[in-house]
Amino acid sequence: LEDRLRAAKTNLTARRDFSLLRTGTTPTQKNQEAVIYDNSLLCLRDATDFRCHRGQEAYAETDPRKAVAEVLFEVKTVSRSARLRVLTTHVPGGRYGPARAELCKCIARLLNPTGSASSHANTDEQRSLVPTLLLADLNFPEKAIRPMLQQAIRPLQVTCSFAEISYPTNLCQGSLLPRRIDSIATLSEKGSMKVTALEPEEVWPGLSVVVELLKSRS
């Protein structure tokens, strides 16, 4: 992550059409999240649109250092005012730990902040209605989290849908077989938001070579 953040910062310095947000203060800081976005498509209204959730708001029992980053964007490409929430996180490992439940609880709270004591009471109710995009290293196969997340958000009448991703992103430590633990999900009223995963080369130049190497292990 440190090398990627340094490369991103270097590349973005020469370009003003993209911006970088991160939950850490330096590229070397551990357990941080980063979001790169296109300024021509998205913008932030004010400083409160970017929040870092740690400790009791995220993984208090598993790893308080790890964060859930929340960015509330204004979408510029539509005629009417529209907003998009992006959540990104790296779920702590541990097969029998509470990390998955902590993430689901965090997401449900962000989608329904009026049900908790929030320091942003004036704006949280409006935030709860915003379509949400989850981009995460779940540290678990998608099927190990999807039912828990659907259960957590069920009272909110929000539809959760995971994007199809056809390629592996990781190796299982035990078997060394390829697996995918990185996921993209949408959370919106009546499933109003649809997303399509990028191909490896669209994510990062040269990534297709890594994907083919992972596939060769199967």
Protein backbone atom coordinates (compact mmCIF):
# COMPACT_ATOMS: atom_id res chain seq x y z
CA LEU A 1 0.00 0.00 0.00
CA GLU A 2 2.85 2.40 0.81
CA ASP A 3 4.34 2.01 -2.69
CA ARG A 4 0.91 2.43 -4.29
CA LEU A 5 0.17 5.58 -2.28
CA ARG A 6 3.54 7.11 -3.16
CA ALA A 7 3.04 6.31 -6.85
CA ALA A 8 -0.50 7.71 -6.76
CA LYS A 9 0.64 10.91 -5.06
CA THR A 10 3.43 11.39 -7.60
CA ASN A 11 1.13 10.81 -10.57
CA LEU A 12 -1.67 12.95 -9.20
CA THR A 13 0.62 15.89 -8.46
CA ALA A 14 1.01 16.43 -12.20
CA ARG A 15 -2.72 16.00 -12.83
CA ARG A 16 -5.49 18.12 -11.38
CA ASP A 17 -8.38 15.99 -12.60
CA PHE A 18 -7.93 13.34 -9.88
CA SER A 19 -7.72 13.64 -6.10
CA LEU A 20 -6.53 11.32 -3.34
CA LEU A 21 -8.15 10.92 0.08
CA ARG A 22 -6.63 8.74 2.79
CA THR A 23 -7.27 8.02 6.44
CA GLY A 24 -3.59 8.20 7.40
CA THR A 25 -1.36 11.24 7.64
CA THR A 26 1.64 9.68 5.85
CA PRO A 27 2.08 6.96 3.18
CA THR A 28 3.96 4.76 5.69
CA GLN A 29 1.14 4.69 8.25
CA LYS A 30 -0.30 1.22 8.72
CA ASN A 31 -3.99 0.27 8.59
CA GLN A 32 -5.20 3.13 6.42
CA GLU A 33 -7.69 3.41 3.59
CA ALA A 34 -7.34 5.45 0.40
CA VAL A 35 -9.82 6.70 -2.22
CA ILE A 36 -8.86 8.16 -5.61
CA TYR A 37 -11.62 9.96 -7.49
CA ASP A 38 -12.18 11.89 -10.71
CA ASN A 39 -12.77 15.60 -10.04
CA SER A 40 -14.72 15.99 -13.25
CA LEU A 41 -17.32 13.48 -12.03
CA LEU A 42 -17.29 13.78 -8.25
CA CYS A 43 -16.69 16.39 -5.57
CA LEU A 44 -17.00 16.92 -1.82
CA ARG A 45 -19.29 19.63 -0.48
CA ASP A 46 -17.28 20.17 2.71
CA ALA A 47 -14.78 18.56 5.09
CA THR A 48 -17.46 16.49 6.85
CA ASP A 49 -18.03 14.51 3.66
CA PHE A 50 -14.89 12.46 4.37
CA ARG A 51 -14.89 10.50 7.62
CA CYS A 52 -12.67 7.84 9.16
CA HIS A 53 -14.37 5.36 11.50
CA ARG A 54 -12.16 3.47 13.96
CA GLY A 55 -12.44 1.86 17.39
CA GLN A 56 -16.00 1.64 18.68
CA GLU A 57 -17.29 2.78 15.27
CA ALA A 58 -15.57 -0.06 13.41
CA TYR A 59 -13.43 -2.97 14.68
CA ALA A 60 -13.27 -2.34 18.42
CA GLU A 61 -12.90 -6.00 19.39
CA THR A 62 -10.83 -7.22 16.46
CA ASP A 63 -8.36 -4.44 15.67
CA PRO A 64 -9.11 -0.82 16.74
CA ARG A 65 -6.34 0.43 14.44
CA LYS A 66 -8.17 -0.61 11.28
CA ALA A 67 -10.55 1.85 9.67
CA VAL A 68 -13.72 2.10 7.66
CA ALA A 69 -13.43 5.12 5.36
CA GLU A 70 -16.63 6.91 4.36
CA VAL A 71 -16.77 9.46 1.53
CA LEU A 72 -19.97 11.28 0.60
CA PHE A 73 -19.65 12.54 -2.97
CA GLU A 74 -21.69 15.00 -4.97
CA VAL A 75 -22.18 13.53 -8.47
CA LYS A 76 -21.61 16.16 -11.16
CA THR A 77 -22.78 14.21 -14.21
CA VAL A 78 -26.52 14.24 -13.56
CA SER A 79 -28.98 17.06 -14.13
CA ARG A 80 -30.45 16.88 -10.64
CA SER A 81 -28.59 16.90 -7.35
CA ALA A 82 -27.35 13.39 -6.57
CA ARG A 83 -25.03 11.95 -3.94
CA LEU A 84 -23.01 8.77 -3.66
CA ARG A 85 -21.48 7.27 -0.53
CA VAL A 86 -18.32 5.19 -0.89
CA LEU A 87 -17.15 2.89 1.89
CA THR A 88 -13.78 1.17 1.85
CA THR A 89 -12.12 -1.06 4.41
CA HIS A 90 -9.80 -4.00 5.00
CA VAL A 91 -11.59 -6.45 7.29
CA PRO A 92 -9.32 -8.00 9.96
CA GLY A 93 -8.69 -11.74 9.54
CA GLY A 94 -9.48 -14.57 11.93
CA ARG A 95 -11.96 -17.24 10.88
CA TYR A 96 -13.94 -17.27 14.12
CA GLY A 97 -13.44 -13.63 15.14
CA PRO A 98 -16.12 -10.91 15.25
CA ALA A 99 -14.70 -8.79 12.40
CA ARG A 100 -17.43 -9.65 9.88
CA ALA A 101 -20.17 -8.87 12.38
CA GLU A 102 -18.42 -5.61 13.33
CA LEU A 103 -18.30 -4.52 9.67
CA CYS A 104 -21.98 -5.34 9.12
CA LYS A 105 -22.92 -3.44 12.29
CA CYS A 106 -20.85 -0.45 11.15
CA ILE A 107 -22.49 -0.39 7.72
CA ALA A 108 -25.98 -0.68 9.20
CA ARG A 109 -25.22 2.21 11.55
CA LEU A 110 -24.00 4.40 8.70
CA LEU A 111 -27.13 3.62 6.70
CA ASN A 112 -29.32 4.35 9.71
CA PRO A 113 -27.41 6.90 11.83
CA THR A 114 -30.59 8.21 13.46
CA GLY A 115 -30.74 4.97 15.41
CA SER A 116 -27.53 5.79 17.27
CA ALA A 117 -26.04 8.69 19.20
CA SER A 118 -24.21 10.65 16.52
CA SER A 119 -22.16 13.82 16.75
CA HIS A 120 -23.41 14.78 13.26
CA ALA A 121 -27.13 14.69 14.00
CA ASN A 122 -28.03 17.55 11.63
CA THR A 123 -26.74 15.82 8.52
CA ASP A 124 -26.85 12.11 9.33
CA GLU A 125 -30.50 11.61 8.41
CA GLN A 126 -29.81 12.93 4.91
CA ARG A 127 -26.68 10.78 4.64
CA SER A 128 -28.66 7.64 5.42
CA LEU A 129 -30.70 7.97 2.21
CA VAL A 130 -27.65 8.08 -0.08
CA PRO A 131 -26.93 5.08 -2.37
CA THR A 132 -23.80 3.36 -1.08
CA LEU A 133 -20.91 1.63 -2.82
CA LEU A 134 -18.77 -0.76 -0.75
CA LEU A 135 -15.24 -1.45 -2.03
CA ALA A 136 -13.50 -3.78 0.38
CA ASP A 137 -10.89 -6.39 1.07
CA LEU A 138 -13.26 -8.57 3.06
CA ASN A 139 -10.55 -11.10 4.02
CA PHE A 140 -13.26 -13.71 3.52
CA PRO A 141 -15.10 -15.11 0.50
CA GLU A 142 -18.12 -13.04 -0.41
CA LYS A 143 -20.53 -15.82 0.60
CA ALA A 144 -19.18 -15.67 4.17
CA ILE A 145 -20.31 -12.05 4.59
CA ARG A 146 -23.28 -11.54 2.28
CA PRO A 147 -25.89 -13.24 4.55
CA MET A 148 -24.65 -11.37 7.63
CA LEU A 149 -24.78 -8.02 5.82
CA GLN A 150 -28.24 -8.69 4.41
CA GLN A 151 -29.47 -9.58 7.89
CA ALA A 152 -27.96 -6.40 9.39
CA ILE A 153 -29.60 -4.06 6.88
CA ARG A 154 -32.93 -5.89 6.54
CA PRO A 155 -34.85 -3.51 8.86
CA LEU A 156 -33.68 -0.55 6.74
CA GLN A 157 -35.41 -1.73 3.56
CA VAL A 158 -32.13 -1.45 1.68
CA THR A 159 -31.14 -3.90 -1.05
CA CYS A 160 -27.60 -5.31 -1.04
CA SER A 161 -26.12 -6.59 -4.29
CA PHE A 162 -22.58 -7.85 -4.97
CA ALA A 163 -20.97 -7.26 -8.35
CA GLU A 164 -19.74 -10.26 -10.31
CA ILE A 165 -15.94 -10.43 -10.44
CA SER A 166 -14.62 -13.22 -12.64
CA TYR A 167 -10.98 -13.29 -11.50
CA PRO A 168 -9.18 -14.21 -8.24
CA THR A 169 -7.44 -11.57 -6.14
CA ASN A 170 -5.59 -13.64 -3.54
CA LEU A 171 -4.12 -17.04 -2.63
CA CYS A 172 -5.48 -19.17 0.22
CA GLN A 173 -2.67 -19.42 2.77
CA GLY A 174 -3.31 -23.10 3.46
CA SER A 175 -3.92 -24.65 0.05
CA LEU A 176 -2.25 -21.90 -2.04
CA LEU A 177 -5.26 -22.08 -4.34
CA PRO A 178 -6.57 -18.85 -5.91
CA ARG A 179 -9.55 -17.16 -4.30
CA ARG A 180 -11.31 -13.81 -4.34
CA ILE A 181 -11.64 -11.93 -1.05
CA ASP A 182 -11.99 -8.44 -2.57
CA SER A 183 -15.56 -7.41 -3.29
CA ILE A 184 -17.77 -4.64 -4.64
CA ALA A 185 -21.29 -4.25 -3.28
CA THR A 186 -24.11 -1.74 -3.66
CA LEU A 187 -26.58 -0.82 -0.94
CA SER A 188 -29.54 1.21 -2.13
CA GLU A 189 -33.29 1.53 -1.87
CA LYS A 190 -35.06 -1.01 -4.11
CA GLY A 191 -31.72 -1.95 -5.68
CA SER A 192 -31.65 1.33 -7.62
CA MET A 193 -27.87 1.28 -8.13
CA LYS A 194 -26.02 -1.16 -10.39
CA VAL A 195 -22.25 -1.53 -10.78
CA THR A 196 -19.91 -3.47 -13.06
CA ALA A 197 -16.44 -4.57 -11.97
CA LEU A 198 -13.46 -3.36 -13.96
CA GLU A 199 -11.18 -5.75 -15.79
CA PRO A 200 -7.73 -6.28 -14.18
CA GLU A 201 -5.88 -4.01 -16.63
CA GLU A 202 -8.41 -1.23 -16.00
CA VAL A 203 -7.73 -1.42 -12.26
CA TRP A 204 -3.94 -1.16 -12.53
CA PRO A 205 -1.61 -1.49 -15.55
CA GLY A 206 0.07 -4.89 -15.51
CA LEU A 207 -2.43 -6.44 -13.10
CA SER A 208 -3.63 -8.94 -15.72
CA VAL A 209 -0.24 -10.68 -15.51
CA VAL A 210 -0.73 -11.16 -11.77
CA VAL A 211 -4.26 -12.47 -12.30
CA GLU A 212 -3.05 -15.05 -14.81
CA LEU A 213 -0.38 -16.16 -12.33
CA LEU A 214 -3.05 -16.60 -9.65
CA LYS A 215 -5.24 -18.59 -12.03
CA SER A 216 -2.33 -20.89 -12.87
CA ARG A 217 -2.43 -22.16 -9.29
CA SER A 218 -5.88 -23.70 -9.71
